[in-house]
Amino acid sequence: DVLFRSIGANMLDATSLPSLLDSLQACDSSE
């Protein structure tokens, strides 16, 4: 609760996530 409330408006919009999945996968180190 504190974590998501602290991020607030800086949280990335959910509608843009499908286009950012590749970039998130590229930086993920756990396969």
PDB file of all heavy atoms in Angstrom:
ATOM      1  N   ASP A   1       0.831  -1.202   0.000  1.00  0.00           N
ATOM      2  CA  ASP A   1       0.000   0.000   0.000  1.00  0.00           C
ATOM      3  C   ASP A   1       0.867   1.255   0.000  1.00  0.00           C
ATOM      4  O   ASP A   1       0.642   2.199  -0.783  1.00  0.00           O
ATOM      5  CB  ASP A   1      -0.926  -0.021   1.215  1.00  0.00           C
ATOM      6  CG  ASP A   1      -2.066   0.985   1.089  1.00  0.00           C
ATOM      7  OD1 ASP A   1      -2.089   1.752   0.103  1.00  0.00           O
ATOM      8  OD2 ASP A   1      -2.942   1.008   1.974  1.00  0.00           O
ATOM      9  N   VAL A   2       1.871   1.278   0.867  1.00  0.00           N
ATOM     10  CA  VAL A   2       2.770   2.439   0.916  1.00  0.00           C
ATOM     11  C   VAL A   2       3.568   2.556  -0.374  1.00  0.00           C
ATOM     12  O   VAL A   2       3.791   3.671  -0.897  1.00  0.00           O
ATOM     13  CB  VAL A   2       3.696   2.332   2.134  1.00  0.00           C
ATOM     14  CG1 VAL A   2       4.729   3.449   2.130  1.00  0.00           C
ATOM     15  CG2 VAL A   2       2.890   2.372   3.422  1.00  0.00           C
ATOM     16  N   LEU A   3       3.981   1.428  -0.943  1.00  0.00           N
ATOM     17  CA  LEU A   3       4.792   1.448  -2.168  1.00  0.00           C
ATOM     18  C   LEU A   3       4.012   2.051  -3.330  1.00  0.00           C
ATOM     19  O   LEU A   3       4.492   2.976  -4.010  1.00  0.00           O
ATOM     20  CB  LEU A   3       5.251   0.021  -2.491  1.00  0.00           C
ATOM     21  CG  LEU A   3       6.083  -0.162  -3.755  1.00  0.00           C
ATOM     22  CD1 LEU A   3       7.414   0.562  -3.636  1.00  0.00           C
ATOM     23  CD2 LEU A   3       6.320  -1.649  -4.038  1.00  0.00           C
ATOM     24  N   PHE A   4       2.808   1.569  -3.600  1.00  0.00           N
ATOM     25  CA  PHE A   4       2.038   2.071  -4.739  1.00  0.00           C
ATOM     26  C   PHE A   4       1.560   3.507  -4.491  1.00  0.00           C
ATOM     27  O   PHE A   4       1.485   4.296  -5.440  1.00  0.00           O
ATOM     28  CB  PHE A   4       0.847   1.150  -5.005  1.00  0.00           C
ATOM     29  CG  PHE A   4       1.202  -0.095  -5.765  1.00  0.00           C
ATOM     30  CD1 PHE A   4       1.500  -1.272  -5.099  1.00  0.00           C
ATOM     31  CD2 PHE A   4       1.255  -0.087  -7.145  1.00  0.00           C
ATOM     32  CE1 PHE A   4       1.832  -2.418  -5.795  1.00  0.00           C
ATOM     33  CE2 PHE A   4       1.579  -1.231  -7.857  1.00  0.00           C
ATOM     34  CZ  PHE A   4       1.884  -2.404  -7.176  1.00  0.00           C
ATOM     35  N   ARG A   5       1.232   3.845  -3.242  1.00  0.00           N
ATOM     36  CA  ARG A   5       0.813   5.214  -2.960  1.00  0.00           C
ATOM     37  C   ARG A   5       1.979   6.180  -3.129  1.00  0.00           C
ATOM     38  O   ARG A   5       1.786   7.328  -3.563  1.00  0.00           O
ATOM     39  CB  ARG A   5       0.240   5.312  -1.551  1.00  0.00           C
ATOM     40  CG  ARG A   5      -0.285   6.717  -1.218  1.00  0.00           C
ATOM     41  CD  ARG A   5      -0.944   6.766   0.138  1.00  0.00           C
ATOM     42  NE  ARG A   5      -2.231   6.065   0.116  1.00  0.00           N
ATOM     43  CZ  ARG A   5      -2.433   4.865   0.651  1.00  0.00           C
ATOM     44  NH1 ARG A   5      -1.439   4.239   1.258  1.00  0.00           N
ATOM     45  NH2 ARG A   5      -3.610   4.295   0.580  1.00  0.00           N
ATOM     46  N   SER A   6       3.195   5.753  -2.812  1.00  0.00           N
ATOM     47  CA  SER A   6       4.356   6.630  -2.955  1.00  0.00           C
ATOM     48  C   SER A   6       4.690   6.878  -4.423  1.00  0.00           C
ATOM     49  O   SER A   6       5.100   7.978  -4.798  1.00  0.00           O
ATOM     50  CB  SER A   6       5.558   6.012  -2.236  1.00  0.00           C
ATOM     51  OG  SER A   6       5.288   5.824  -0.856  1.00  0.00           O
ATOM     52  N   ILE A   7       4.524   5.867  -5.268  1.00  0.00           N
ATOM     53  CA  ILE A   7       4.807   6.059  -6.704  1.00  0.00           C
ATOM     54  C   ILE A   7       3.756   6.976  -7.317  1.00  0.00           C
ATOM     55  O   ILE A   7       4.080   7.902  -8.067  1.00  0.00           O
ATOM     56  CB  ILE A   7       4.848   4.691  -7.414  1.00  0.00           C
ATOM     57  CG1 ILE A   7       6.014   3.846  -6.873  1.00  0.00           C
ATOM     58  CG2 ILE A   7       4.983   4.873  -8.924  1.00  0.00           C
ATOM     59  CD1 ILE A   7       6.062   2.445  -7.428  1.00  0.00           C
ATOM     60  N   GLY A   8       2.506   6.728  -7.026  1.00  0.00           N
ATOM     61  CA  GLY A   8       1.427   7.622  -7.445  1.00  0.00           C
ATOM     62  C   GLY A   8       1.375   7.866  -8.937  1.00  0.00           C
ATOM     63  O   GLY A   8       1.285   6.934  -9.756  1.00  0.00           O
ATOM     64  N   ALA A   9       1.463   9.147  -9.310  1.00  0.00           N
ATOM     65  CA  ALA A   9       1.326   9.532 -10.722  1.00  0.00           C
ATOM     66  C   ALA A   9       2.519   9.115 -11.555  1.00  0.00           C
ATOM     67  O   ALA A   9       2.448   9.143 -12.793  1.00  0.00           O
ATOM     68  CB  ALA A   9       1.124  11.047 -10.825  1.00  0.00           C
ATOM     69  N   ASN A  10       3.618   8.751 -10.925  1.00  0.00           N
ATOM     70  CA  ASN A  10       4.795   8.311 -11.683  1.00  0.00           C
ATOM     71  C   ASN A  10       4.685   6.865 -12.153  1.00  0.00           C
ATOM     72  O   ASN A  10       5.602   6.372 -12.817  1.00  0.00           O
ATOM     73  CB  ASN A  10       6.057   8.465 -10.829  1.00  0.00           C
ATOM     74  CG  ASN A  10       6.405   9.923 -10.585  1.00  0.00           C
ATOM     75  OD1 ASN A  10       6.120  10.784 -11.406  1.00  0.00           O
ATOM     76  ND2 ASN A  10       7.012  10.201  -9.436  1.00  0.00           N
ATOM     77  N   MET A  11       3.610   6.185 -11.804  1.00  0.00           N
ATOM     78  CA  MET A  11       3.420   4.815 -12.273  1.00  0.00           C
ATOM     79  C   MET A  11       3.103   4.830 -13.767  1.00  0.00           C
ATOM     80  O   MET A  11       2.326   5.653 -14.244  1.00  0.00           O
ATOM     81  CB  MET A  11       2.277   4.146 -11.506  1.00  0.00           C
ATOM     82  CG  MET A  11       2.019   2.697 -11.897  1.00  0.00           C
ATOM     83  SD  MET A  11       3.359   1.598 -11.425  1.00  0.00           S
ATOM     84  CE  MET A  11       3.153   1.595  -9.635  1.00  0.00           C
ATOM     85  N   LEU A  12       3.710   3.931 -14.497  1.00  0.00           N
ATOM     86  CA  LEU A  12       3.518   3.859 -15.942  1.00  0.00           C
ATOM     87  C   LEU A  12       2.083   3.451 -16.253  1.00  0.00           C
ATOM     88  O   LEU A  12       1.498   2.607 -15.557  1.00  0.00           O
ATOM     89  CB  LEU A  12       4.493   2.857 -16.553  1.00  0.00           C
ATOM     90  CG  LEU A  12       4.667   2.882 -18.070  1.00  0.00           C
ATOM     91  CD1 LEU A  12       5.266   4.201 -18.522  1.00  0.00           C
ATOM     92  CD2 LEU A  12       5.549   1.734 -18.509  1.00  0.00           C
ATOM     93  N   ASP A  13       1.512   4.050 -17.305  1.00  0.00           N
ATOM     94  CA  ASP A  13       0.138   3.758 -17.687  1.00  0.00           C
ATOM     95  C   ASP A  13       0.032   2.311 -18.164  1.00  0.00           C
ATOM     96  O   ASP A  13       0.877   1.827 -18.919  1.00  0.00           O
ATOM     97  CB  ASP A  13      -0.310   4.716 -18.793  1.00  0.00           C
ATOM     98  CG  ASP A  13      -1.802   4.589 -19.074  1.00  0.00           C
ATOM     99  OD1 ASP A  13      -2.471   3.829 -18.344  1.00  0.00           O
ATOM    100  OD2 ASP A  13      -2.274   5.234 -20.008  1.00  0.00           O
ATOM    101  N   ALA A  14      -1.027   1.629 -17.713  1.00  0.00           N
ATOM    102  CA  ALA A  14      -1.192   0.214 -18.060  1.00  0.00           C
ATOM    103  C   ALA A  14      -1.416   0.008 -19.549  1.00  0.00           C
ATOM    104  O   ALA A  14      -1.097  -1.060 -20.085  1.00  0.00           O
ATOM    105  CB  ALA A  14      -2.364  -0.380 -17.272  1.00  0.00           C
ATOM    106  N   THR A  15      -1.968   1.011 -20.243  1.00  0.00           N
ATOM    107  CA  THR A  15      -2.231   0.843 -21.680  1.00  0.00           C
ATOM    108  C   THR A  15      -0.958   0.793 -22.509  1.00  0.00           C
ATOM    109  O   THR A  15      -0.970   0.297 -23.629  1.00  0.00           O
ATOM    110  CB  THR A  15      -3.121   1.993 -22.176  1.00  0.00           C
ATOM    111  OG1 THR A  15      -2.458   3.249 -21.910  1.00  0.00           O
ATOM    112  CG2 THR A  15      -4.467   1.970 -21.461  1.00  0.00           C
ATOM    113  N   SER A  16       0.140   1.292 -21.980  1.00  0.00           N
ATOM    114  CA  SER A  16       1.400   1.290 -22.735  1.00  0.00           C
ATOM    115  C   SER A  16       2.272   0.087 -22.424  1.00  0.00           C
ATOM    116  O   SER A  16       3.367  -0.037 -22.975  1.00  0.00           O
ATOM    117  CB  SER A  16       2.193   2.571 -22.427  1.00  0.00           C
ATOM    118  OG  SER A  16       2.504   2.651 -21.039  1.00  0.00           O
ATOM    119  N   LEU A  17       1.825  -0.809 -21.544  1.00  0.00           N
ATOM    120  CA  LEU A  17       2.649  -1.955 -21.170  1.00  0.00           C
ATOM    121  C   LEU A  17       2.891  -2.938 -22.315  1.00  0.00           C
ATOM    122  O   LEU A  17       4.000  -3.459 -22.437  1.00  0.00           O
ATOM    123  CB  LEU A  17       2.021  -2.681 -19.982  1.00  0.00           C
ATOM    124  CG  LEU A  17       2.155  -1.984 -18.623  1.00  0.00           C
ATOM    125  CD1 LEU A  17       1.500  -2.815 -17.543  1.00  0.00           C
ATOM    126  CD2 LEU A  17       3.619  -1.745 -18.289  1.00  0.00           C
ATOM    127  N   PRO A  18       1.891  -3.257 -23.152  1.00  0.00           N
ATOM    128  CA  PRO A  18       2.187  -4.209 -24.233  1.00  0.00           C
ATOM    129  C   PRO A  18       3.343  -3.786 -25.127  1.00  0.00           C
ATOM    130  O   PRO A  18       4.090  -4.627 -25.616  1.00  0.00           O
ATOM    131  CB  PRO A  18       0.859  -4.278 -25.010  1.00  0.00           C
ATOM    132  CG  PRO A  18      -0.175  -3.936 -23.995  1.00  0.00           C
ATOM    133  CD  PRO A  18       0.462  -2.912 -23.100  1.00  0.00           C
ATOM    134  N   SER A  19       3.522  -2.496 -25.338  1.00  0.00           N
ATOM    135  CA  SER A  19       4.627  -2.043 -26.184  1.00  0.00           C
ATOM    136  C   SER A  19       5.954  -2.012 -25.436  1.00  0.00           C
ATOM    137  O   SER A  19       7.010  -1.884 -26.060  1.00  0.00           O
ATOM    138  CB  SER A  19       4.310  -0.640 -26.735  1.00  0.00           C
ATOM    139  OG  SER A  19       4.157   0.282 -25.657  1.00  0.00           O
ATOM    140  N   LEU A  20       5.926  -2.111 -24.105  1.00  0.00           N
ATOM    141  CA  LEU A  20       7.154  -2.052 -23.315  1.00  0.00           C
ATOM    142  C   LEU A  20       7.589  -3.407 -22.778  1.00  0.00           C
ATOM    143  O   LEU A  20       8.577  -3.494 -22.056  1.00  0.00           O
ATOM    144  CB  LEU A  20       6.964  -1.088 -22.129  1.00  0.00           C
ATOM    145  CG  LEU A  20       6.685   0.372 -22.485  1.00  0.00           C
ATOM    146  CD1 LEU A  20       6.444   1.168 -21.226  1.00  0.00           C
ATOM    147  CD2 LEU A  20       7.831   0.972 -23.286  1.00  0.00           C
ATOM    148  N   LEU A  21       6.859  -4.450 -23.123  1.00  0.00           N
ATOM    149  CA  LEU A  21       7.220  -5.770 -22.606  1.00  0.00           C
ATOM    150  C   LEU A  21       8.592  -6.215 -23.081  1.00  0.00           C
ATOM    151  O   LEU A  21       9.360  -6.815 -22.331  1.00  0.00           O
ATOM    152  CB  LEU A  21       6.165  -6.795 -23.022  1.00  0.00           C
ATOM    153  CG  LEU A  21       4.846  -6.758 -22.245  1.00  0.00           C
ATOM    154  CD1 LEU A  21       3.860  -7.748 -22.827  1.00  0.00           C
ATOM    155  CD2 LEU A  21       5.069  -7.043 -20.780  1.00  0.00           C
ATOM    156  N   ASP A  22       8.929  -5.910 -24.328  1.00  0.00           N
ATOM    157  CA  ASP A  22      10.235  -6.312 -24.847  1.00  0.00           C
ATOM    158  C   ASP A  22      11.368  -5.622 -24.107  1.00  0.00           C
ATOM    159  O   ASP A  22      12.390  -6.247 -23.794  1.00  0.00           O
ATOM    160  CB  ASP A  22      10.323  -6.012 -26.350  1.00  0.00           C
ATOM    161  CG  ASP A  22       9.446  -6.949 -27.157  1.00  0.00           C
ATOM    162  OD1 ASP A  22       9.147  -8.046 -26.657  1.00  0.00           O
ATOM    163  OD2 ASP A  22       9.051  -6.575 -28.272  1.00  0.00           O
ATOM    164  N   SER A  23      11.197  -4.348 -23.829  1.00  0.00           N
ATOM    165  CA  SER A  23      12.257  -3.636 -23.115  1.00  0.00           C
ATOM    166  C   SER A  23      12.379  -4.124 -21.677  1.00  0.00           C
ATOM    167  O   SER A  23      13.496  -4.226 -21.137  1.00  0.00           O
ATOM    168  CB  SER A  23      11.977  -2.129 -23.141  1.00  0.00           C
ATOM    169  OG  SER A  23      10.754  -1.823 -22.474  1.00  0.00           O
ATOM    170  N   LEU A  24      11.267  -4.456 -21.038  1.00  0.00           N
ATOM    171  CA  LEU A  24      11.332  -5.018 -19.692  1.00  0.00           C
ATOM    172  C   LEU A  24      11.974  -6.395 -19.689  1.00  0.00           C
ATOM    173  O   LEU A  24      12.742  -6.742 -18.793  1.00  0.00           O
ATOM    174  CB  LEU A  24       9.925  -5.094 -19.092  1.00  0.00           C
ATOM    175  CG  LEU A  24       9.282  -3.771 -18.687  1.00  0.00           C
ATOM    176  CD1 LEU A  24       7.813  -3.987 -18.329  1.00  0.00           C
ATOM    177  CD2 LEU A  24      10.014  -3.159 -17.500  1.00  0.00           C
ATOM    178  N   GLN A  25      11.681  -7.188 -20.704  1.00  0.00           N
ATOM    179  CA  GLN A  25      12.285  -8.513 -20.791  1.00  0.00           C
ATOM    180  C   GLN A  25      13.783  -8.429 -21.048  1.00  0.00           C
ATOM    181  O   GLN A  25      14.557  -9.245 -20.528  1.00  0.00           O
ATOM    182  CB  GLN A  25      11.618  -9.311 -21.917  1.00  0.00           C
ATOM    183  CG  GLN A  25      12.155 -10.717 -22.087  1.00  0.00           C
ATOM    184  CD  GLN A  25      11.736 -11.624 -20.951  1.00  0.00           C
ATOM    185  OE1 GLN A  25      10.561 -11.886 -20.760  1.00  0.00           O
ATOM    186  NE2 GLN A  25      12.690 -12.105 -20.183  1.00  0.00           N
ATOM    187  N   ALA A  26      14.199  -7.441 -21.818  1.00  0.00           N
ATOM    188  CA  ALA A  26      15.620  -7.324 -22.147  1.00  0.00           C
ATOM    189  C   ALA A  26      16.461  -7.012 -20.917  1.00  0.00           C
ATOM    190  O   ALA A  26      17.624  -7.435 -20.836  1.00  0.00           O
ATOM    191  CB  ALA A  26      15.817  -6.244 -23.215  1.00  0.00           C
ATOM    192  N   CYS A  27      15.906  -6.306 -19.953  1.00  0.00           N
ATOM    193  CA  CYS A  27      16.676  -5.958 -18.758  1.00  0.00           C
ATOM    194  C   CYS A  27      16.463  -6.947 -17.628  1.00  0.00           C
ATOM    195  O   CYS A  27      17.066  -6.793 -16.560  1.00  0.00           O
ATOM    196  CB  CYS A  27      16.323  -4.551 -18.293  1.00  0.00           C
ATOM    197  SG  CYS A  27      14.647  -4.417 -17.593  1.00  0.00           S
ATOM    198  N   ASP A  28      15.623  -7.953 -17.812  1.00  0.00           N
ATOM    199  CA  ASP A  28      15.383  -8.935 -16.762  1.00  0.00           C
ATOM    200  C   ASP A  28      16.497  -9.974 -16.786  1.00  0.00           C
ATOM    201  O   ASP A  28      16.805 -10.553 -17.834  1.00  0.00           O
ATOM    202  CB  ASP A  28      14.025  -9.614 -16.973  1.00  0.00           C
ATOM    203  CG  ASP A  28      13.655 -10.517 -15.813  1.00  0.00           C
ATOM    204  OD1 ASP A  28      13.126 -10.007 -14.823  1.00  0.00           O
ATOM    205  OD2 ASP A  28      13.927 -11.724 -15.906  1.00  0.00           O
ATOM    206  N   SER A  29      17.077 -10.218 -15.643  1.00  0.00           N
ATOM    207  CA  SER A  29      18.241 -11.106 -15.560  1.00  0.00           C
ATOM    208  C   SER A  29      17.894 -12.523 -15.145  1.00  0.00           C
ATOM    209  O   SER A  29      18.797 -13.354 -15.030  1.00  0.00           O
ATOM    210  CB  SER A  29      19.242 -10.533 -14.552  1.00  0.00           C
ATOM    211  OG  SER A  29      18.652 -10.418 -13.264  1.00  0.00           O
ATOM    212  N   SER A  30      16.633 -12.815 -14.924  1.00  0.00           N
ATOM    213  CA  SER A  30      16.270 -14.129 -14.387  1.00  0.00           C
ATOM    214  C   SER A  30      15.657 -15.063 -15.422  1.00  0.00           C
ATOM    215  O   SER A  30      15.082 -16.087 -15.039  1.00  0.00           O
ATOM    216  CB  SER A  30      15.276 -13.957 -13.229  1.00  0.00           C
ATOM    217  OG  SER A  30      14.095 -13.313 -13.674  1.00  0.00           O
ATOM    218  N   GLU A  31      15.747 -14.727 -16.718  1.00  0.00           N
ATOM    219  CA  GLU A  31      15.216 -15.589 -17.777  1.00  0.00           C
ATOM    220  C   GLU A  31      13.742 -15.926 -17.522  1.00  0.00           C
ATOM    221  O   GLU A  31      13.292 -17.054 -17.681  1.00  0.00           O
ATOM    222  CB  GLU A  31      16.031 -16.878 -17.884  1.00  0.00           C
ATOM    223  CG  GLU A  31      17.510 -16.642 -18.154  1.00  0.00           C
ATOM    224  CD  GLU A  31      18.323 -17.921 -18.084  1.00  0.00           C
ATOM    225  OE1 GLU A  31      17.740 -18.955 -17.720  1.00  0.00           O
ATOM    226  OE2 GLU A  31      19.527 -17.877 -18.383  1.00  0.00           O
TER     227      GLU A  31
END
